[in-house]
Amino acid sequence: MKDIHEVLRQKQTKYAALGKQIEMLQQAAEKLREVAPLLAENDDEDNAVLTEVDEAVPHSDAMAAKAGAAGSGGTASKGARPTAPRWP
């Protein structure tokens, strides 16, 4: 049989650790609330810049088509862009 005081001490330790985790998550949530509007503003600006770049480089689709045709033999060509591993 377990000592009741030892069990109580373990529970209090876990409770204190959980309280610290909750406090840290609340602080992180507050920071995210502060940063989220800034990220949304930057996202709109980034999309505008990307659109301008896409419009300035009209031959990029032709280059992609050539790269796709070169590697259509069932194996990846040496010039193909490596793909990053996907994390679950």
PDB file of N, CA and C in Angstrom:
ATOM      1  N   MET A   1       0.837  -1.166   0.000  1.00  0.00           N
ATOM      2  CA  MET A   1       0.000   0.000   0.000  1.00  0.00           C
ATOM      3  C   MET A   1       0.897   1.249   0.000  1.00  0.00           C
ATOM      4  N   LYS A   2       0.499   2.268  -0.777  1.00  0.00           N
ATOM      5  CA  LYS A   2       1.285   3.488  -0.891  1.00  0.00           C
ATOM      6  C   LYS A   2       1.029   4.406   0.304  1.00  0.00           C
ATOM      7  N   ASP A   3       2.050   5.135   0.644  1.00  0.00           N
ATOM      8  CA  ASP A   3       1.924   6.119   1.707  1.00  0.00           C
ATOM      9  C   ASP A   3       1.101   7.297   1.189  1.00  0.00           C
ATOM     10  N   ILE A   4       0.089   7.704   1.912  1.00  0.00           N
ATOM     11  CA  ILE A   4      -0.815   8.764   1.479  1.00  0.00           C
ATOM     12  C   ILE A   4      -0.080  10.095   1.329  1.00  0.00           C
ATOM     13  N   HIS A   5       0.917  10.325   2.170  1.00  0.00           N
ATOM     14  CA  HIS A   5       1.664  11.576   2.089  1.00  0.00           C
ATOM     15  C   HIS A   5       2.540  11.622   0.832  1.00  0.00           C
ATOM     16  N   GLU A   6       3.095  10.495   0.454  1.00  0.00           N
ATOM     17  CA  GLU A   6       3.901  10.428  -0.761  1.00  0.00           C
ATOM     18  C   GLU A   6       3.025  10.647  -1.991  1.00  0.00           C
ATOM     19  N   VAL A   7       1.868  10.026  -2.026  1.00  0.00           N
ATOM     20  CA  VAL A   7       0.940  10.203  -3.144  1.00  0.00           C
ATOM     21  C   VAL A   7       0.504  11.664  -3.227  1.00  0.00           C
ATOM     22  N   LEU A   8       0.200  12.277  -2.086  1.00  0.00           N
ATOM     23  CA  LEU A   8      -0.208  13.679  -2.059  1.00  0.00           C
ATOM     24  C   LEU A   8       0.922  14.579  -2.571  1.00  0.00           C
ATOM     25  N   ARG A   9       2.151  14.318  -2.173  1.00  0.00           N
ATOM     26  CA  ARG A   9       3.301  15.098  -2.604  1.00  0.00           C
ATOM     27  C   ARG A   9       3.488  14.977  -4.126  1.00  0.00           C
ATOM     28  N   GLN A  10       3.328  13.771  -4.659  1.00  0.00           N
ATOM     29  CA  GLN A  10       3.455  13.568  -6.103  1.00  0.00           C
ATOM     30  C   GLN A  10       2.367  14.334  -6.862  1.00  0.00           C
ATOM     31  N   LYS A  11       1.154  14.285  -6.345  1.00  0.00           N
ATOM     32  CA  LYS A  11       0.045  14.988  -6.998  1.00  0.00           C
ATOM     33  C   LYS A  11       0.267  16.496  -6.971  1.00  0.00           C
ATOM     34  N   GLN A  12       0.778  17.007  -5.863  1.00  0.00           N
ATOM     35  CA  GLN A  12       1.028  18.438  -5.755  1.00  0.00           C
ATOM     36  C   GLN A  12       2.132  18.865  -6.716  1.00  0.00           C
ATOM     37  N   THR A  13       3.143  18.032  -6.891  1.00  0.00           N
ATOM     38  CA  THR A  13       4.218  18.322  -7.828  1.00  0.00           C
ATOM     39  C   THR A  13       3.686  18.371  -9.255  1.00  0.00           C
ATOM     40  N   LYS A  14       2.866  17.395  -9.612  1.00  0.00           N
ATOM     41  CA  LYS A  14       2.269  17.378 -10.952  1.00  0.00           C
ATOM     42  C   LYS A  14       1.353  18.583 -11.152  1.00  0.00           C
ATOM     43  N   TYR A  15       0.609  18.941 -10.103  1.00  0.00           N
ATOM     44  CA  TYR A  15      -0.308  20.086 -10.172  1.00  0.00           C
ATOM     45  C   TYR A  15       0.482  21.377 -10.389  1.00  0.00           C
ATOM     46  N   ALA A  16       1.602  21.539  -9.694  1.00  0.00           N
ATOM     47  CA  ALA A  16       2.430  22.730  -9.848  1.00  0.00           C
ATOM     48  C   ALA A  16       3.018  22.802 -11.263  1.00  0.00           C
ATOM     49  N   ALA A  17       3.493  21.672 -11.776  1.00  0.00           N
ATOM     50  CA  ALA A  17       4.048  21.639 -13.123  1.00  0.00           C
ATOM     51  C   ALA A  17       2.981  21.979 -14.160  1.00  0.00           C
ATOM     52  N   LEU A  18       1.795  21.449 -13.965  1.00  0.00           N
ATOM     53  CA  LEU A  18       0.692  21.736 -14.884  1.00  0.00           C
ATOM     54  C   LEU A  18       0.320  23.217 -14.829  1.00  0.00           C
ATOM     55  N   GLY A  19       0.337  23.789 -13.626  1.00  0.00           N
ATOM     56  CA  GLY A  19       0.050  25.220 -13.485  1.00  0.00           C
ATOM     57  C   GLY A  19       1.052  26.070 -14.245  1.00  0.00           C
ATOM     58  N   LYS A  20       2.342  25.696 -14.192  1.00  0.00           N
ATOM     59  CA  LYS A  20       3.373  26.427 -14.931  1.00  0.00           C
ATOM     60  C   LYS A  20       3.153  26.308 -16.436  1.00  0.00           C
ATOM     61  N   GLN A  21       2.781  25.123 -16.892  1.00  0.00           N
ATOM     62  CA  GLN A  21       2.527  24.925 -18.316  1.00  0.00           C
ATOM     63  C   GLN A  21       1.352  25.765 -18.781  1.00  0.00           C
ATOM     64  N   ILE A  22       0.308  25.823 -17.966  1.00  0.00           N
ATOM     65  CA  ILE A  22      -0.868  26.628 -18.313  1.00  0.00           C
ATOM     66  C   ILE A  22      -0.488  28.095 -18.396  1.00  0.00           C
ATOM     67  N   GLU A  23       0.305  28.564 -17.448  1.00  0.00           N
ATOM     68  CA  GLU A  23       0.733  29.961 -17.451  1.00  0.00           C
ATOM     69  C   GLU A  23       1.559  30.275 -18.699  1.00  0.00           C
ATOM     70  N   MET A  24       2.452  29.380 -19.062  1.00  0.00           N
ATOM     71  CA  MET A  24       3.272  29.593 -20.252  1.00  0.00           C
ATOM     72  C   MET A  24       2.426  29.605 -21.516  1.00  0.00           C
ATOM     73  N   LEU A  25       1.425  28.728 -21.587  1.00  0.00           N
ATOM     74  CA  LEU A  25       0.534  28.713 -22.747  1.00  0.00           C
ATOM     75  C   LEU A  25      -0.290  29.989 -22.829  1.00  0.00           C
ATOM     76  N   GLN A  26      -0.717  30.509 -21.688  1.00  0.00           N
ATOM     77  CA  GLN A  26      -1.468  31.761 -21.684  1.00  0.00           C
ATOM     78  C   GLN A  26      -0.598  32.918 -22.167  1.00  0.00           C
ATOM     79  N   GLN A  27       0.666  32.937 -21.747  1.00  0.00           N
ATOM     80  CA  GLN A  27       1.575  33.981 -22.205  1.00  0.00           C
ATOM     81  C   GLN A  27       1.812  33.878 -23.704  1.00  0.00           C
ATOM     82  N   ALA A  28       1.964  32.661 -24.201  1.00  0.00           N
ATOM     83  CA  ALA A  28       2.156  32.463 -25.634  1.00  0.00           C
ATOM     84  C   ALA A  28       0.921  32.909 -26.413  1.00  0.00           C
ATOM     85  N   ALA A  29      -0.261  32.630 -25.878  1.00  0.00           N
ATOM     86  CA  ALA A  29      -1.502  33.041 -26.541  1.00  0.00           C
ATOM     87  C   ALA A  29      -1.598  34.562 -26.596  1.00  0.00           C
ATOM     88  N   GLU A  30      -1.181  35.228 -25.539  1.00  0.00           N
ATOM     89  CA  GLU A  30      -1.199  36.692 -25.532  1.00  0.00           C
ATOM     90  C   GLU A  30      -0.251  37.244 -26.598  1.00  0.00           C
ATOM     91  N   LYS A  31       0.931  36.662 -26.701  1.00  0.00           N
ATOM     92  CA  LYS A  31       1.889  37.105 -27.722  1.00  0.00           C
ATOM     93  C   LYS A  31       1.330  36.880 -29.123  1.00  0.00           C
ATOM     94  N   LEU A  32       0.678  35.738 -29.319  1.00  0.00           N
ATOM     95  CA  LEU A  32       0.096  35.460 -30.635  1.00  0.00           C
ATOM     96  C   LEU A  32      -1.009  36.446 -30.968  1.00  0.00           C
ATOM     97  N   ARG A  33      -1.784  36.827 -29.972  1.00  0.00           N
ATOM     98  CA  ARG A  33      -2.833  37.823 -30.225  1.00  0.00           C
ATOM     99  C   ARG A  33      -2.235  39.152 -30.643  1.00  0.00           C
ATOM    100  N   GLU A  34      -1.063  39.498 -30.081  1.00  0.00           N
ATOM    101  CA  GLU A  34      -0.406  40.745 -30.444  1.00  0.00           C
ATOM    102  C   GLU A  34       0.186  40.677 -31.850  1.00  0.00           C
ATOM    103  N   VAL A  35       0.718  39.529 -32.222  1.00  0.00           N
ATOM    104  CA  VAL A  35       1.444  39.386 -33.478  1.00  0.00           C
ATOM    105  C   VAL A  35       0.526  39.055 -34.649  1.00  0.00           C
ATOM    106  N   ALA A  36      -0.583  38.418 -34.402  1.00  0.00           N
ATOM    107  CA  ALA A  36      -1.459  37.954 -35.485  1.00  0.00           C
ATOM    108  C   ALA A  36      -1.863  39.072 -36.448  1.00  0.00           C
ATOM    109  N   PRO A  37      -2.286  40.246 -35.961  1.00  0.00           N
ATOM    110  CA  PRO A  37      -2.639  41.307 -36.918  1.00  0.00           C
ATOM    111  C   PRO A  37      -1.443  41.740 -37.772  1.00  0.00           C
ATOM    112  N   LEU A  38      -0.264  41.757 -37.180  1.00  0.00           N
ATOM    113  CA  LEU A  38       0.922  42.138 -37.948  1.00  0.00           C
ATOM    114  C   LEU A  38       1.218  41.119 -39.037  1.00  0.00           C
ATOM    115  N   LEU A  39       1.057  39.838 -38.708  1.00  0.00           N
ATOM    116  CA  LEU A  39       1.286  38.796 -39.708  1.00  0.00           C
ATOM    117  C   LEU A  39       0.256  38.883 -40.825  1.00  0.00           C
ATOM    118  N   ALA A  40      -0.973  39.195 -40.495  1.00  0.00           N
ATOM    119  CA  ALA A  40      -2.018  39.311 -41.508  1.00  0.00           C
ATOM    120  C   ALA A  40      -1.711  40.466 -42.455  1.00  0.00           C
ATOM    121  N   GLU A  41      -1.210  41.584 -41.919  1.00  0.00           N
ATOM    122  CA  GLU A  41      -0.851  42.720 -42.759  1.00  0.00           C
ATOM    123  C   GLU A  41       0.311  42.352 -43.670  1.00  0.00           C
ATOM    124  N   ASN A  42       1.321  41.682 -43.135  1.00  0.00           N
ATOM    125  CA  ASN A  42       2.470  41.284 -43.936  1.00  0.00           C
ATOM    126  C   ASN A  42       2.086  40.267 -44.987  1.00  0.00           C
ATOM    127  N   ASP A  43       1.142  39.384 -44.675  1.00  0.00           N
ATOM    128  CA  ASP A  43       0.713  38.368 -45.626  1.00  0.00           C
ATOM    129  C   ASP A  43       0.102  39.027 -46.852  1.00  0.00           C
ATOM    130  N   ASP A  44      -0.713  40.067 -46.655  1.00  0.00           N
ATOM    131  CA  ASP A  44      -1.306  40.779 -47.787  1.00  0.00           C
ATOM    132  C   ASP A  44      -0.222  41.430 -48.641  1.00  0.00           C
ATOM    133  N   GLU A  45       0.776  42.031 -47.981  1.00  0.00           N
ATOM    134  CA  GLU A  45       1.861  42.673 -48.715  1.00  0.00           C
ATOM    135  C   GLU A  45       2.690  41.628 -49.470  1.00  0.00           C
ATOM    136  N   ASP A  46       2.951  40.495 -48.836  1.00  0.00           N
ATOM    137  CA  ASP A  46       3.735  39.434 -49.476  1.00  0.00           C
ATOM    138  C   ASP A  46       3.009  38.900 -50.704  1.00  0.00           C
ATOM    139  N   ASN A  47       1.703  38.727 -50.616  1.00  0.00           N
ATOM    140  CA  ASN A  47       0.935  38.241 -51.757  1.00  0.00           C
ATOM    141  C   ASN A  47       1.003  39.229 -52.915  1.00  0.00           C
ATOM    142  N   ALA A  48       0.972  40.519 -52.600  1.00  0.00           N
ATOM    143  CA  ALA A  48       1.059  41.532 -53.651  1.00  0.00           C
ATOM    144  C   ALA A  48       2.424  41.478 -54.322  1.00  0.00           C
ATOM    145  N   VAL A  49       3.491  41.311 -53.539  1.00  0.00           N
ATOM    146  CA  VAL A  49       4.838  41.231 -54.097  1.00  0.00           C
ATOM    147  C   VAL A  49       4.977  39.980 -54.954  1.00  0.00           C
ATOM    148  N   LEU A  50       4.453  38.860 -54.486  1.00  0.00           N
ATOM    149  CA  LEU A  50       4.541  37.621 -55.259  1.00  0.00           C
ATOM    150  C   LEU A  50       3.788  37.746 -56.579  1.00  0.00           C
ATOM    151  N   THR A  51       2.654  38.414 -56.567  1.00  0.00           N
ATOM    152  CA  THR A  51       1.886  38.613 -57.796  1.00  0.00           C
ATOM    153  C   THR A  51       2.687  39.450 -58.776  1.00  0.00           C
ATOM    154  N   GLU A  52       3.344  40.498 -58.259  1.00  0.00           N
ATOM    155  CA  GLU A  52       4.160  41.335 -59.135  1.00  0.00           C
ATOM    156  C   GLU A  52       5.310  40.537 -59.732  1.00  0.00           C
ATOM    157  N   VAL A  53       5.945  39.692 -58.949  1.00  0.00           N
ATOM    158  CA  VAL A  53       7.061  38.888 -59.442  1.00  0.00           C
ATOM    159  C   VAL A  53       6.567  37.896 -60.485  1.00  0.00           C
ATOM    160  N   ASP A  54       5.431  37.266 -60.238  1.00  0.00           N
ATOM    161  CA  ASP A  54       4.879  36.314 -61.207  1.00  0.00           C
ATOM    162  C   ASP A  54       4.559  36.999 -62.532  1.00  0.00           C
ATOM    163  N   GLU A  55       4.041  38.211 -62.468  1.00  0.00           N
ATOM    164  CA  GLU A  55       3.704  38.941 -63.689  1.00  0.00           C
ATOM    165  C   GLU A  55       4.962  39.398 -64.416  1.00  0.00           C
ATOM    166  N   ALA A  56       6.035  39.657 -63.699  1.00  0.00           N
ATOM    167  CA  ALA A  56       7.274  40.139 -64.310  1.00  0.00           C
ATOM    168  C   ALA A  56       8.061  39.013 -64.975  1.00  0.00           C
ATOM    169  N   VAL A  57       7.783  37.756 -64.629  1.00  0.00           N
ATOM    170  CA  VAL A  57       8.518  36.617 -65.179  1.00  0.00           C
ATOM    171  C   VAL A  57       7.534  35.702 -65.905  1.00  0.00           C
ATOM    172  N   PRO A  58       7.128  36.059 -67.129  1.00  0.00           N
ATOM    173  CA  PRO A  58       6.130  35.247 -67.832  1.00  0.00           C
ATOM    174  C   PRO A  58       6.683  33.934 -68.367  1.00  0.00           C
ATOM    175  N   HIS A  59       8.011  33.795 -68.515  1.00  0.00           N
ATOM    176  CA  HIS A  59       8.578  32.576 -69.084  1.00  0.00           C
ATOM    177  C   HIS A  59       8.758  31.471 -68.049  1.00  0.00           C
ATOM    178  N   SER A  60       8.380  31.693 -66.815  1.00  0.00           N
ATOM    179  CA  SER A  60       8.588  30.673 -65.784  1.00  0.00           C
ATOM    180  C   SER A  60       7.732  29.436 -66.050  1.00  0.00           C
ATOM    181  N   ASP A  61       6.549  29.600 -66.620  1.00  0.00           N
ATOM    182  CA  ASP A  61       5.714  28.441 -66.942  1.00  0.00           C
ATOM    183  C   ASP A  61       6.342  27.605 -68.054  1.00  0.00           C
ATOM    184  N   ALA A  62       6.954  28.263 -69.020  1.00  0.00           N
ATOM    185  CA  ALA A  62       7.593  27.540 -70.110  1.00  0.00           C
ATOM    186  C   ALA A  62       8.780  26.745 -69.584  1.00  0.00           C
ATOM    187  N   MET A  63       9.529  27.335 -68.647  1.00  0.00           N
ATOM    188  CA  MET A  63      10.667  26.620 -68.066  1.00  0.00           C
ATOM    189  C   MET A  63      10.194  25.427 -67.253  1.00  0.00           C
ATOM    190  N   ALA A  64       9.095  25.576 -66.554  1.00  0.00           N
ATOM    191  CA  ALA A  64       8.558  24.469 -65.765  1.00  0.00           C
ATOM    192  C   ALA A  64       8.090  23.346 -66.688  1.00  0.00           C
ATOM    193  N   ALA A  65       7.501  23.705 -67.816  1.00  0.00           N
ATOM    194  CA  ALA A  65       7.042  22.689 -68.764  1.00  0.00           C
ATOM    195  C   ALA A  65       8.230  21.935 -69.354  1.00  0.00           C
ATOM    196  N   LYS A  66       9.314  22.657 -69.666  1.00  0.00           N
ATOM    197  CA  LYS A  66      10.504  21.992 -70.184  1.00  0.00           C
ATOM    198  C   LYS A  66      11.099  21.046 -69.154  1.00  0.00           C
ATOM    199  N   ALA A  67      11.148  21.480 -67.916  1.00  0.00           N
ATOM    200  CA  ALA A  67      11.699  20.632 -66.852  1.00  0.00           C
ATOM    201  C   ALA A  67      10.827  19.401 -66.655  1.00  0.00           C
ATOM    202  N   GLY A  68       9.523  19.564 -66.759  1.00  0.00           N
ATOM    203  CA  GLY A  68       8.615  18.425 -66.612  1.00  0.00           C
ATOM    204  C   GLY A  68       8.766  17.448 -67.758  1.00  0.00           C
ATOM    205  N   ALA A  69       8.974  17.943 -68.974  1.00  0.00           N
ATOM    206  CA  ALA A  69       9.137  17.074 -70.134  1.00  0.00           C
ATOM    207  C   ALA A  69      10.475  16.345 -70.071  1.00  0.00           C
ATOM    208  N   ALA A  70      11.493  17.001 -69.551  1.00  0.00           N
ATOM    209  CA  ALA A  70      12.813  16.368 -69.478  1.00  0.00           C
ATOM    210  C   ALA A  70      12.815  15.223 -68.475  1.00  0.00           C
ATOM    211  N   GLY A  71      12.030  15.329 -67.436  1.00  0.00           N
ATOM    212  CA  GLY A  71      12.025  14.285 -66.417  1.00  0.00           C
ATOM    213  C   GLY A  71      10.862  13.328 -66.529  1.00  0.00           C
ATOM    214  N   SER A  72      10.234  13.265 -67.704  1.00  0.00           N
ATOM    215  CA  SER A  72       9.047  12.416 -67.832  1.00  0.00           C
ATOM    216  C   SER A  72       9.370  10.961 -68.128  1.00  0.00           C
ATOM    217  N   GLY A  73      10.642  10.584 -68.104  1.00  0.00           N
ATOM    218  CA  GLY A  73      11.033   9.217 -68.406  1.00  0.00           C
ATOM    219  C   GLY A  73      10.834   8.262 -67.249  1.00  0.00           C
ATOM    220  N   GLY A  74      10.167   8.669 -66.202  1.00  0.00           N
ATOM    221  CA  GLY A  74       9.924   7.785 -65.078  1.00  0.00           C
ATOM    222  C   GLY A  74      10.928   7.946 -63.958  1.00  0.00           C
ATOM    223  N   THR A  75      12.066   8.585 -64.269  1.00  0.00           N
ATOM    224  CA  THR A  75      13.071   8.834 -63.243  1.00  0.00           C
ATOM    225  C   THR A  75      13.284  10.325 -63.129  1.00  0.00           C
ATOM    226  N   ALA A  76      13.712  10.753 -61.972  1.00  0.00           N
ATOM    227  CA  ALA A  76      13.946  12.173 -61.755  1.00  0.00           C
ATOM    228  C   ALA A  76      15.232  12.581 -62.453  1.00  0.00           C
ATOM    229  N   SER A  77      15.213  13.734 -63.118  1.00  0.00           N
ATOM    230  CA  SER A  77      16.412  14.219 -63.782  1.00  0.00           C
ATOM    231  C   SER A  77      17.327  14.876 -62.761  1.00  0.00           C
ATOM    232  N   LYS A  78      18.606  15.017 -63.146  1.00  0.00           N
ATOM    233  CA  LYS A  78      19.563  15.616 -62.219  1.00  0.00           C
ATOM    234  C   LYS A  78      19.248  17.077 -61.971  1.00  0.00           C
ATOM    235  N   GLY A  79      18.622  17.758 -62.907  1.00  0.00           N
ATOM    236  CA  GLY A  79      18.304  19.168 -62.769  1.00  0.00           C
ATOM    237  C   GLY A  79      17.009  19.394 -62.006  1.00  0.00           C
ATOM    238  N   ALA A  80      16.340  18.329 -61.642  1.00  0.00           N
ATOM    239  CA  ALA A  80      15.058  18.488 -60.945  1.00  0.00           C
ATOM    240  C   ALA A  80      15.289  19.042 -59.548  1.00  0.00           C
ATOM    241  N   ARG A  81      14.369  19.818 -59.086  1.00  0.00           N
ATOM    242  CA  ARG A  81      14.452  20.404 -57.754  1.00  0.00           C
ATOM    243  C   ARG A  81      14.169  19.344 -56.709  1.00  0.00           C
ATOM    244  N   PRO A  82      15.034  19.184 -55.721  1.00  0.00           N
ATOM    245  CA  PRO A  82      14.808  18.164 -54.694  1.00  0.00           C
ATOM    246  C   PRO A  82      13.600  18.542 -53.834  1.00  0.00           C
ATOM    247  N   THR A  83      12.879  17.545 -53.444  1.00  0.00           N
ATOM    248  CA  THR A  83      11.713  17.801 -52.611  1.00  0.00           C
ATOM    249  C   THR A  83      12.074  17.585 -51.158  1.00  0.00           C
ATOM    250  N   ALA A  84      11.516  18.411 -50.305  1.00  0.00           N
ATOM    251  CA  ALA A  84      11.769  18.287 -48.867  1.00  0.00           C
ATOM    252  C   ALA A  84      10.921  17.147 -48.318  1.00  0.00           C
ATOM    253  N   PRO A  85      11.436  16.431 -47.338  1.00  0.00           N
ATOM    254  CA  PRO A  85      10.636  15.361 -46.743  1.00  0.00           C
ATOM    255  C   PRO A  85       9.433  15.938 -46.024  1.00  0.00           C
ATOM    256  N   ARG A  86       8.344  15.247 -46.095  1.00  0.00           N
ATOM    257  CA  ARG A  86       7.120  15.718 -45.445  1.00  0.00           C
ATOM    258  C   ARG A  86       7.020  15.105 -44.064  1.00  0.00           C
ATOM    259  N   TRP A  87       6.708  15.938 -43.113  1.00  0.00           N
ATOM    260  CA  TRP A  87       6.541  15.480 -41.732  1.00  0.00           C
ATOM    261  C   TRP A  87       5.070  15.172 -41.495  1.00  0.00           C
ATOM    262  N   PRO A  88       4.805  14.159 -40.736  1.00  0.00           N
ATOM    263  CA  PRO A  88       3.398  13.814 -40.488  1.00  0.00           C
ATOM    264  C   PRO A  88       2.702  14.841 -39.645  1.00  0.00           C
TER     265      PRO A  88
END
